C-alpha cells in the first residue's frame, strides 16, 4: 500500500488521498478542485449534497471492510478519527 505523505492532499469530504490529477473533483468552470475528490465533488457541487457526517462514516466503513479487507471495528475507528475534522463537516 502506498503511504500518504504530508504533502498528499486528501479529500475534505471523504478523506481519500488525491495523488493524481484525475483524483480531484471539478469546479463549475471545469478546473480541478483541490479540496474535494472526483467522487464527492463534480461541476462545483457535491455529488450527494444531503449527505450527513454519519452517513459518510458508514460509507467509509463499508468501503474499508469490503475493498480494503479491514475489520469493521478498525474501519469504524479510522472513519471516526478521519472524517469529523474535515472541512465539509465543520458545520455539523
Protein backbone atom coordinates (compact mmCIF):
# COMPACT_ATOMS: atom_id res chain seq x y z
CA UNK A 1 0.00 0.00 0.00
CA UNK A 2 1.27 3.49 -0.82
CA UNK A 3 1.91 5.74 2.11
CA UNK A 4 0.31 9.14 2.33
CA UNK A 5 2.94 11.81 2.65
CA UNK A 6 2.45 15.12 4.44
CA UNK A 7 2.09 16.89 1.08
CA UNK A 8 -0.52 14.48 -0.32
CA UNK A 9 -3.86 16.32 -0.28
CA UNK A 10 -6.88 14.41 0.98
CA UNK A 11 -10.50 14.98 0.07
CA UNK A 12 -12.11 17.24 2.64
CA UNK A 13 -15.31 15.20 2.47
CA UNK A 14 -14.27 11.52 2.41
CA UNK A 15 -10.56 11.57 3.27
CA UNK A 16 -9.41 9.92 0.03
CA UNK A 17 -5.79 10.70 -0.85
CA UNK A 18 -5.62 12.62 -4.11
CA UNK A 19 -2.34 11.64 -5.74
CA UNK A 20 -3.02 12.36 -9.42
CA UNK A 21 -4.94 14.97 -11.37
CA UNK A 22 -7.84 12.63 -12.13
CA UNK A 23 -8.45 12.12 -8.41
CA UNK A 24 -9.54 15.74 -7.94
CA UNK A 25 -13.12 16.91 -8.26
CA UNK A 26 -14.07 19.73 -10.60
CA UNK A 27 -15.33 23.27 -10.15
CA UNK A 28 -18.24 24.74 -12.11
CA UNK A 29 -15.78 26.12 -14.70
CA UNK A 30 -14.22 22.68 -15.24
CA UNK A 31 -10.99 23.38 -13.37
CA UNK A 32 -9.81 20.92 -10.77
CA UNK A 33 -10.92 21.45 -7.20
CA UNK A 34 -8.04 20.82 -4.81
CA UNK A 35 -10.19 20.28 -1.72
CA UNK A 36 -12.58 17.55 -2.85
CA UNK A 37 -12.19 14.33 -4.86
CA UNK A 38 -13.85 13.23 -8.08
CA UNK A 39 -16.30 11.04 -6.16
CA UNK A 40 -17.53 13.81 -3.85
CA UNK A 41 -17.45 16.97 -5.98
CA UNK A 42 -18.27 17.43 -9.69
CA UNK A 43 -19.05 20.61 -11.58
CA UNK A 44 -18.83 22.76 -8.47
CA UNK A 45 -21.33 20.70 -6.48
CA UNK A 46 -21.26 17.83 -4.05
CA UNK A 47 -22.39 14.61 -5.70
CA UNK A 48 -24.56 13.91 -2.64
CA UNK A 49 -25.43 17.33 -1.17
CA UNK A 50 -27.71 15.91 1.54
CA UNK A 51 -25.09 13.50 2.88
CA UNK A 52 -24.54 13.70 6.64
CA UNK A 53 -21.33 13.06 8.51
CA UNK A 54 -22.80 9.87 9.98
CA UNK A 55 -23.74 8.61 6.51
CA UNK A 56 -20.24 9.38 5.24
CA UNK A 57 -18.76 7.47 8.19
CA UNK A 58 -20.92 4.45 7.31
CA UNK A 59 -19.86 4.73 3.64
CA UNK A 60 -16.19 4.78 4.61
CA UNK A 61 -16.60 1.84 6.99
CA UNK A 62 -18.32 -0.20 4.28
CA UNK A 63 -15.61 0.66 1.74
CA UNK A 64 -12.80 -0.18 4.16
CA UNK A 65 -14.35 -3.53 5.08
CA UNK A 66 -15.27 -4.64 1.55
CA UNK A 67 -12.44 -3.13 -0.52
CA UNK A 68 -9.56 -2.90 1.94
CA UNK A 69 -10.49 -6.03 3.95
CA UNK A 70 -10.27 -4.20 7.28
CA UNK A 71 -12.02 -5.40 10.39
CA UNK A 72 -15.19 -3.39 10.98
CA UNK A 73 -14.06 -2.14 14.40
CA UNK A 74 -10.77 -0.85 12.94
CA UNK A 75 -12.58 0.69 9.96
CA UNK A 76 -15.05 2.46 12.24
CA UNK A 77 -12.27 3.83 14.43
CA UNK A 78 -10.43 5.10 11.33
CA UNK A 79 -13.58 6.77 9.96
CA UNK A 80 -14.46 8.37 13.29
CA UNK A 81 -10.93 9.77 13.59
CA UNK A 82 -10.53 10.85 9.97
CA UNK A 83 -13.82 12.40 8.87
CA UNK A 84 -15.08 14.80 11.59
CA UNK A 85 -12.12 17.24 11.29
CA UNK A 86 -12.51 17.58 7.51
CA UNK A 87 -13.69 20.90 6.05
CA UNK A 88 -17.07 19.63 4.80
CA UNK A 89 -18.13 18.52 8.29
CA UNK A 90 -17.14 21.60 10.31
CA UNK A 91 -20.69 22.92 10.30
CA UNK A 92 -22.14 19.70 11.74
